[in-house]
Amino acid sequence: MATNKEILNRGLKYIVWALPLFFIGPTVIMSSFKNTGHPFFIPVLGLGIIISTLSVILLFRGLVTIMKSQSDQ
């Protein structure tokens, strides 16, 4: 069974973009909880949640894309 290299590379790019976001998202969330009295607490918390959600979505899309490259579709 042959692997489609272009689709495999696209899946790996998704995962490469997701990995730093896995560390940035929780760091931003932790930083927002350290500053609960600050007026930007809610926007920074929202940004951290968005970054963390984006990292999970990118990882999932990367894995799905890699699995598609393994099969002949």
PDB file of N, CA and C in Angstrom:
ATOM      1  N   MET A   1       0.848  -1.170   0.000  1.00  0.00           N
ATOM      2  CA  MET A   1       0.000   0.000   0.000  1.00  0.00           C
ATOM      3  C   MET A   1       0.899   1.240   0.000  1.00  0.00           C
ATOM      4  N   ALA A   2       0.719   2.088  -0.974  1.00  0.00           N
ATOM      5  CA  ALA A   2       1.549   3.282  -1.131  1.00  0.00           C
ATOM      6  C   ALA A   2       1.001   4.428  -0.281  1.00  0.00           C
ATOM      7  N   THR A   3       1.904   5.290   0.129  1.00  0.00           N
ATOM      8  CA  THR A   3       1.532   6.458   0.917  1.00  0.00           C
ATOM      9  C   THR A   3       1.591   7.687   0.030  1.00  0.00           C
ATOM     10  N   ASN A   4       0.534   8.492   0.087  1.00  0.00           N
ATOM     11  CA  ASN A   4       0.512   9.740  -0.654  1.00  0.00           C
ATOM     12  C   ASN A   4       1.340  10.767   0.134  1.00  0.00           C
ATOM     13  N   LYS A   5       2.498  11.124  -0.386  1.00  0.00           N
ATOM     14  CA  LYS A   5       3.451  11.976   0.341  1.00  0.00           C
ATOM     15  C   LYS A   5       2.928  13.396   0.546  1.00  0.00           C
ATOM     16  N   GLU A   6       2.178  13.926  -0.421  1.00  0.00           N
ATOM     17  CA  GLU A   6       1.675  15.302  -0.285  1.00  0.00           C
ATOM     18  C   GLU A   6       0.669  15.398   0.859  1.00  0.00           C
ATOM     19  N   ILE A   7      -0.225  14.425   0.937  1.00  0.00           N
ATOM     20  CA  ILE A   7      -1.223  14.444   2.007  1.00  0.00           C
ATOM     21  C   ILE A   7      -0.554  14.175   3.356  1.00  0.00           C
ATOM     22  N   LEU A   8       0.436  13.298   3.367  1.00  0.00           N
ATOM     23  CA  LEU A   8       1.174  13.020   4.601  1.00  0.00           C
ATOM     24  C   LEU A   8       1.879  14.275   5.106  1.00  0.00           C
ATOM     25  N   ASN A   9       2.507  15.022   4.219  1.00  0.00           N
ATOM     26  CA  ASN A   9       3.189  16.263   4.620  1.00  0.00           C
ATOM     27  C   ASN A   9       2.205  17.293   5.152  1.00  0.00           C
ATOM     28  N   ARG A  10       1.016  17.370   4.548  1.00  0.00           N
ATOM     29  CA  ARG A  10       0.007  18.310   5.032  1.00  0.00           C
ATOM     30  C   ARG A  10      -0.438  17.926   6.447  1.00  0.00           C
ATOM     31  N   GLY A  11      -0.610  16.634   6.696  1.00  0.00           N
ATOM     32  CA  GLY A  11      -0.976  16.182   8.037  1.00  0.00           C
ATOM     33  C   GLY A  11       0.106  16.466   9.058  1.00  0.00           C
ATOM     34  N   LEU A  12       1.354  16.280   8.664  1.00  0.00           N
ATOM     35  CA  LEU A  12       2.458  16.580   9.577  1.00  0.00           C
ATOM     36  C   LEU A  12       2.550  18.077   9.871  1.00  0.00           C
ATOM     37  N   LYS A  13       2.216  18.908   8.890  1.00  0.00           N
ATOM     38  CA  LYS A  13       2.217  20.358   9.126  1.00  0.00           C
ATOM     39  C   LYS A  13       1.167  20.741  10.156  1.00  0.00           C
ATOM     40  N   TYR A  14      -0.017  20.108  10.093  1.00  0.00           N
ATOM     41  CA  TYR A  14      -1.042  20.371  11.112  1.00  0.00           C
ATOM     42  C   TYR A  14      -0.518  20.027  12.504  1.00  0.00           C
ATOM     43  N   ILE A  15       0.143  18.890  12.611  1.00  0.00           N
ATOM     44  CA  ILE A  15       0.640  18.458  13.919  1.00  0.00           C
ATOM     45  C   ILE A  15       1.769  19.364  14.399  1.00  0.00           C
ATOM     46  N   VAL A  16       2.626  19.804  13.485  1.00  0.00           N
ATOM     47  CA  VAL A  16       3.719  20.711  13.871  1.00  0.00           C
ATOM     48  C   VAL A  16       3.159  22.033  14.387  1.00  0.00           C
ATOM     49  N   TRP A  17       2.076  22.527  13.795  1.00  0.00           N
ATOM     50  CA  TRP A  17       1.456  23.753  14.284  1.00  0.00           C
ATOM     51  C   TRP A  17       0.736  23.527  15.606  1.00  0.00           C
ATOM     52  N   ALA A  18       0.234  22.317  15.844  1.00  0.00           N
ATOM     53  CA  ALA A  18      -0.513  22.040  17.073  1.00  0.00           C
ATOM     54  C   ALA A  18       0.401  21.916  18.289  1.00  0.00           C
ATOM     55  N   LEU A  19       1.604  21.400  18.107  1.00  0.00           N
ATOM     56  CA  LEU A  19       2.478  21.138  19.255  1.00  0.00           C
ATOM     57  C   LEU A  19       2.822  22.387  20.075  1.00  0.00           C
ATOM     58  N   PRO A  20       3.226  23.506  19.468  1.00  0.00           N
ATOM     59  CA  PRO A  20       3.497  24.678  20.318  1.00  0.00           C
ATOM     60  C   PRO A  20       2.241  25.218  20.992  1.00  0.00           C
ATOM     61  N   LEU A  21       1.098  25.069  20.305  1.00  0.00           N
ATOM     62  CA  LEU A  21      -0.142  25.559  20.897  1.00  0.00           C
ATOM     63  C   LEU A  21      -0.542  24.753  22.126  1.00  0.00           C
ATOM     64  N   PHE A  22      -0.114  23.482  22.193  1.00  0.00           N
ATOM     65  CA  PHE A  22      -0.387  22.673  23.377  1.00  0.00           C
ATOM     66  C   PHE A  22       0.299  23.245  24.614  1.00  0.00           C
ATOM     67  N   PHE A  23       1.386  23.950  24.449  1.00  0.00           N
ATOM     68  CA  PHE A  23       2.084  24.544  25.582  1.00  0.00           C
ATOM     69  C   PHE A  23       1.671  26.001  25.802  1.00  0.00           C
ATOM     70  N   ILE A  24       1.379  26.720  24.731  1.00  0.00           N
ATOM     71  CA  ILE A  24       1.015  28.134  24.852  1.00  0.00           C
ATOM     72  C   ILE A  24      -0.357  28.297  25.499  1.00  0.00           C
ATOM     73  N   GLY A  25      -1.324  27.478  25.095  1.00  0.00           N
ATOM     74  CA  GLY A  25      -2.691  27.591  25.618  1.00  0.00           C
ATOM     75  C   GLY A  25      -2.769  27.453  27.128  1.00  0.00           C
ATOM     76  N   PRO A  26      -2.289  26.356  27.709  1.00  0.00           N
ATOM     77  CA  PRO A  26      -2.340  26.239  29.174  1.00  0.00           C
ATOM     78  C   PRO A  26      -1.515  27.299  29.903  1.00  0.00           C
ATOM     79  N   THR A  27      -0.435  27.767  29.285  1.00  0.00           N
ATOM     80  CA  THR A  27       0.360  28.830  29.907  1.00  0.00           C
ATOM     81  C   THR A  27      -0.441  30.121  29.994  1.00  0.00           C
ATOM     82  N   VAL A  28      -1.171  30.441  28.932  1.00  0.00           N
ATOM     83  CA  VAL A  28      -2.005  31.647  28.938  1.00  0.00           C
ATOM     84  C   VAL A  28      -3.139  31.499  29.949  1.00  0.00           C
ATOM     85  N   ILE A  29      -3.741  30.314  30.027  1.00  0.00           N
ATOM     86  CA  ILE A  29      -4.818  30.086  30.992  1.00  0.00           C
ATOM     87  C   ILE A  29      -4.288  30.226  32.418  1.00  0.00           C
ATOM     88  N   MET A  30      -3.135  29.639  32.700  1.00  0.00           N
ATOM     89  CA  MET A  30      -2.545  29.737  34.034  1.00  0.00           C
ATOM     90  C   MET A  30      -2.206  31.193  34.369  1.00  0.00           C
ATOM     91  N   SER A  31      -1.708  31.923  33.391  1.00  0.00           N
ATOM     92  CA  SER A  31      -1.380  33.330  33.611  1.00  0.00           C
ATOM     93  C   SER A  31      -2.632  34.146  33.924  1.00  0.00           C
ATOM     94  N   SER A  32      -3.732  33.819  33.264  1.00  0.00           N
ATOM     95  CA  SER A  32      -4.962  34.568  33.531  1.00  0.00           C
ATOM     96  C   SER A  32      -5.490  34.269  34.928  1.00  0.00           C
ATOM     97  N   PHE A  33      -5.368  33.017  35.393  1.00  0.00           N
ATOM     98  CA  PHE A  33      -5.842  32.697  36.738  1.00  0.00           C
ATOM     99  C   PHE A  33      -4.942  33.275  37.826  1.00  0.00           C
ATOM    100  N   LYS A  34      -3.701  33.583  37.507  1.00  0.00           N
ATOM    101  CA  LYS A  34      -2.832  34.247  38.478  1.00  0.00           C
ATOM    102  C   LYS A  34      -3.222  35.712  38.653  1.00  0.00           C
ATOM    103  N   ASN A  35      -3.886  36.296  37.651  1.00  0.00           N
ATOM    104  CA  ASN A  35      -4.248  37.712  37.680  1.00  0.00           C
ATOM    105  C   ASN A  35      -5.764  37.866  37.631  1.00  0.00           C
ATOM    106  N   THR A  36      -6.471  37.261  38.585  1.00  0.00           N
ATOM    107  CA  THR A  36      -7.938  37.302  38.553  1.00  0.00           C
ATOM    108  C   THR A  36      -8.488  38.699  38.817  1.00  0.00           C
ATOM    109  N   GLY A  37      -7.752  39.553  39.483  1.00  0.00           N
ATOM    110  CA  GLY A  37      -8.226  40.895  39.766  1.00  0.00           C
ATOM    111  C   GLY A  37      -8.006  41.878  38.631  1.00  0.00           C
ATOM    112  N   HIS A  38      -7.287  41.483  37.628  1.00  0.00           N
ATOM    113  CA  HIS A  38      -6.968  42.365  36.503  1.00  0.00           C
ATOM    114  C   HIS A  38      -8.183  42.496  35.591  1.00  0.00           C
ATOM    115  N   PRO A  39      -8.390  43.690  34.981  1.00  0.00           N
ATOM    116  CA  PRO A  39      -9.559  43.860  34.108  1.00  0.00           C
ATOM    117  C   PRO A  39      -9.524  42.992  32.849  1.00  0.00           C
ATOM    118  N   PHE A  40      -8.350  42.529  32.445  1.00  0.00           N
ATOM    119  CA  PHE A  40      -8.262  41.688  31.249  1.00  0.00           C
ATOM    120  C   PHE A  40      -8.303  40.196  31.582  1.00  0.00           C
ATOM    121  N   PHE A  41      -8.798  39.840  32.768  1.00  0.00           N
ATOM    122  CA  PHE A  41      -8.840  38.432  33.163  1.00  0.00           C
ATOM    123  C   PHE A  41      -9.698  37.616  32.199  1.00  0.00           C
ATOM    124  N   ILE A  42     -10.897  38.068  31.916  1.00  0.00           N
ATOM    125  CA  ILE A  42     -11.817  37.307  31.054  1.00  0.00           C
ATOM    126  C   ILE A  42     -11.305  37.228  29.613  1.00  0.00           C
ATOM    127  N   PRO A  43     -10.840  38.336  28.991  1.00  0.00           N
ATOM    128  CA  PRO A  43     -10.328  38.195  27.621  1.00  0.00           C
ATOM    129  C   PRO A  43      -9.106  37.284  27.516  1.00  0.00           C
ATOM    130  N   VAL A  44      -8.212  37.345  28.488  1.00  0.00           N
ATOM    131  CA  VAL A  44      -7.022  36.491  28.442  1.00  0.00           C
ATOM    132  C   VAL A  44      -7.416  35.035  28.665  1.00  0.00           C
ATOM    133  N   LEU A  45      -8.360  34.787  29.553  1.00  0.00           N
ATOM    134  CA  LEU A  45      -8.848  33.428  29.763  1.00  0.00           C
ATOM    135  C   LEU A  45      -9.511  32.898  28.494  1.00  0.00           C
ATOM    136  N   GLY A  46     -10.311  33.735  27.844  1.00  0.00           N
ATOM    137  CA  GLY A  46     -10.934  33.329  26.584  1.00  0.00           C
ATOM    138  C   GLY A  46      -9.908  33.031  25.511  1.00  0.00           C
ATOM    139  N   LEU A  47      -8.870  33.843  25.441  1.00  0.00           N
ATOM    140  CA  LEU A  47      -7.804  33.605  24.465  1.00  0.00           C
ATOM    141  C   LEU A  47      -7.099  32.276  24.736  1.00  0.00           C
ATOM    142  N   GLY A  48      -6.845  31.984  25.996  1.00  0.00           N
ATOM    143  CA  GLY A  48      -6.212  30.716  26.348  1.00  0.00           C
ATOM    144  C   GLY A  48      -7.081  29.524  25.998  1.00  0.00           C
ATOM    145  N   ILE A  49      -8.379  29.649  26.217  1.00  0.00           N
ATOM    146  CA  ILE A  49      -9.302  28.563  25.869  1.00  0.00           C
ATOM    147  C   ILE A  49      -9.360  28.381  24.363  1.00  0.00           C
ATOM    148  N   ILE A  50      -9.370  29.474  23.619  1.00  0.00           N
ATOM    149  CA  ILE A  50      -9.395  29.387  22.153  1.00  0.00           C
ATOM    150  C   ILE A  50      -8.118  28.732  21.636  1.00  0.00           C
ATOM    151  N   ILE A  51      -6.973  29.111  22.185  1.00  0.00           N
ATOM    152  CA  ILE A  51      -5.700  28.521  21.749  1.00  0.00           C
ATOM    153  C   ILE A  51      -5.670  27.027  22.057  1.00  0.00           C
ATOM    154  N   SER A  52      -6.134  26.646  23.243  1.00  0.00           N
ATOM    155  CA  SER A  52      -6.139  25.226  23.599  1.00  0.00           C
ATOM    156  C   SER A  52      -7.083  24.430  22.707  1.00  0.00           C
ATOM    157  N   THR A  53      -8.245  24.987  22.422  1.00  0.00           N
ATOM    158  CA  THR A  53      -9.199  24.314  21.537  1.00  0.00           C
ATOM    159  C   THR A  53      -8.628  24.184  20.134  1.00  0.00           C
ATOM    160  N   LEU A  54      -7.977  25.227  19.661  1.00  0.00           N
ATOM    161  CA  LEU A  54      -7.370  25.188  18.332  1.00  0.00           C
ATOM    162  C   LEU A  54      -6.283  24.121  18.252  1.00  0.00           C
ATOM    163  N   SER A  55      -5.524  23.951  19.324  1.00  0.00           N
ATOM    164  CA  SER A  55      -4.472  22.930  19.298  1.00  0.00           C
ATOM    165  C   SER A  55      -5.064  21.530  19.198  1.00  0.00           C
ATOM    166  N   VAL A  56      -6.167  21.284  19.892  1.00  0.00           N
ATOM    167  CA  VAL A  56      -6.808  19.966  19.816  1.00  0.00           C
ATOM    168  C   VAL A  56      -7.384  19.740  18.427  1.00  0.00           C
ATOM    169  N   ILE A  57      -7.996  20.766  17.846  1.00  0.00           N
ATOM    170  CA  ILE A  57      -8.570  20.646  16.502  1.00  0.00           C
ATOM    171  C   ILE A  57      -7.478  20.388  15.474  1.00  0.00           C
ATOM    172  N   LEU A  58      -6.374  21.117  15.567  1.00  0.00           N
ATOM    173  CA  LEU A  58      -5.282  20.912  14.615  1.00  0.00           C
ATOM    174  C   LEU A  58      -4.669  19.520  14.746  1.00  0.00           C
ATOM    175  N   LEU A  59      -4.529  19.040  15.975  1.00  0.00           N
ATOM    176  CA  LEU A  59      -3.987  17.695  16.163  1.00  0.00           C
ATOM    177  C   LEU A  59      -4.925  16.653  15.563  1.00  0.00           C
ATOM    178  N   PHE A  60      -6.214  16.806  15.797  1.00  0.00           N
ATOM    179  CA  PHE A  60      -7.184  15.862  15.244  1.00  0.00           C
ATOM    180  C   PHE A  60      -7.166  15.886  13.723  1.00  0.00           C
ATOM    181  N   ARG A  61      -7.155  17.085  13.144  1.00  0.00           N
ATOM    182  CA  ARG A  61      -7.114  17.184  11.678  1.00  0.00           C
ATOM    183  C   ARG A  61      -5.825  16.599  11.118  1.00  0.00           C
ATOM    184  N   GLY A  62      -4.725  16.788  11.826  1.00  0.00           N
ATOM    185  CA  GLY A  62      -3.466  16.212  11.381  1.00  0.00           C
ATOM    186  C   GLY A  62      -3.495  14.699  11.389  1.00  0.00           C
ATOM    187  N   LEU A  63      -4.037  14.124  12.454  1.00  0.00           N
ATOM    188  CA  LEU A  63      -4.118  12.669  12.525  1.00  0.00           C
ATOM    189  C   LEU A  63      -5.056  12.103  11.466  1.00  0.00           C
ATOM    190  N   VAL A  64      -6.185  12.768  11.245  1.00  0.00           N
ATOM    191  CA  VAL A  64      -7.120  12.311  10.212  1.00  0.00           C
ATOM    192  C   VAL A  64      -6.472  12.407   8.837  1.00  0.00           C
ATOM    193  N   THR A  65      -5.747  13.481   8.579  1.00  0.00           N
ATOM    194  CA  THR A  65      -5.086  13.655   7.286  1.00  0.00           C
ATOM    195  C   THR A  65      -4.004  12.601   7.082  1.00  0.00           C
ATOM    196  N   ILE A  66      -3.258  12.293   8.127  1.00  0.00           N
ATOM    197  CA  ILE A  66      -2.236  11.249   8.009  1.00  0.00           C
ATOM    198  C   ILE A  66      -2.883   9.898   7.740  1.00  0.00           C
ATOM    199  N   MET A  67      -3.990   9.622   8.401  1.00  0.00           N
ATOM    200  CA  MET A  67      -4.672   8.347   8.154  1.00  0.00           C
ATOM    201  C   MET A  67      -5.224   8.284   6.731  1.00  0.00           C
ATOM    202  N   LYS A  68      -5.667   9.418   6.200  1.00  0.00           N
ATOM    203  CA  LYS A  68      -6.132   9.446   4.806  1.00  0.00           C
ATOM    204  C   LYS A  68      -4.980   9.203   3.842  1.00  0.00           C
ATOM    205  N   SER A  69      -3.801   9.663   4.196  1.00  0.00           N
ATOM    206  CA  SER A  69      -2.661   9.452   3.302  1.00  0.00           C
ATOM    207  C   SER A  69      -2.253   7.982   3.262  1.00  0.00           C
ATOM    208  N   GLN A  70      -2.551   7.254   4.318  1.00  0.00           N
ATOM    209  CA  GLN A  70      -2.203   5.838   4.367  1.00  0.00           C
ATOM    210  C   GLN A  70      -3.143   4.976   3.529  1.00  0.00           C
ATOM    211  N   SER A  71      -4.389   5.424   3.395  1.00  0.00           N
ATOM    212  CA  SER A  71      -5.351   4.650   2.607  1.00  0.00           C
ATOM    213  C   SER A  71      -5.491   5.272   1.224  1.00  0.00           C
ATOM    214  N   ASP A  72      -6.009   4.521   0.305  1.00  0.00           N
ATOM    215  CA  ASP A  72      -6.192   5.007  -1.067  1.00  0.00           C
ATOM    216  C   ASP A  72      -7.613   5.520  -1.236  1.00  0.00           C
ATOM    217  N   GLN A  73      -7.824   6.796  -0.937  1.00  0.00           N
ATOM    218  CA  GLN A  73      -9.150   7.394  -1.111  1.00  0.00           C
ATOM    219  C   GLN A  73      -9.084   8.493  -2.129  1.00  0.00           C
TER     220      GLN A  73
END
